[in-house]
């Protein structure tokens, strides 16, 4: 991947449905060769709880508290468990399958995590690659509903605690990997929002503020990760913007898919013509 030309989008702030719609729109255009490989960083407004593609919401999310606290809810196109997005840097890498990453999810994680790890080093953190000794627990009964309580292969930790949580999807001829680097963690808020948790939740997770002992602004965290990808993977980052096609597709996906109760609560995909705007 040395020398790969990668479009770097400007930092964005969007609604939960918009953020996920943009990620899918990019996966479609990059995967189908209509756009270059892409790296982007973004924020959430309002803050949101995102759940994995196949995660059941039955009895797990306290909807009335989400609404009372102004927290959004969205289902990601990727798998995994729930993540509370607020004070964090969210990254997304979108590559065509033809770029030659390994088919194995863990092997691809290992390569892309080198960019994340270098970004953490630039912030003054010594990163640790998580390599669980046992197969991760299923998302069924008895398993944690939260991403940052579930270690996964080649995700990143600091001081023995998980620091970056990521998820991956291969579809439409492309690969999407997006993930969360917490700037700070409000464990009490997480405990209020997710059933079966308590204020001692996420003790196996950490944030940049806890590791570095100081507040870290979004801009600093995003800049470090950006440079980390360039240095560790040899990418040539070239500033760019969403194309008109991508912006239009994202708007369609936002309305037809990510903002709908059918998708959010039941994971029901809209008709392809409706989602992609064909016909």
Foldseek 3Di string as FASTA:
>chain_A
DAAFAEAEEEEEEDAPLLVQLLLVLLQQCQLQVNDGWYKYKYAHVVWEKEAELPAAPVQWFPVVVCVVVVYYYWYHPFGAAIDTGHQWIKMKTKHFVVVPQDPDPLSNLQQLLQLVQQLVVVVVFRKDFDDDPDDWDDSDPPDDRDQQVTDDGRQIDGPQAGAKGWTWDRDNRMIMIMIIGHQADQLCSVQVTTPPRHSCPNPRHGHVCVRVVHGDHNVSSVVSSVVSCCPRVNYDYDYDHDDPLSVVLSVQQSVQETVDCCCRNPVDDGPPCSNRVND
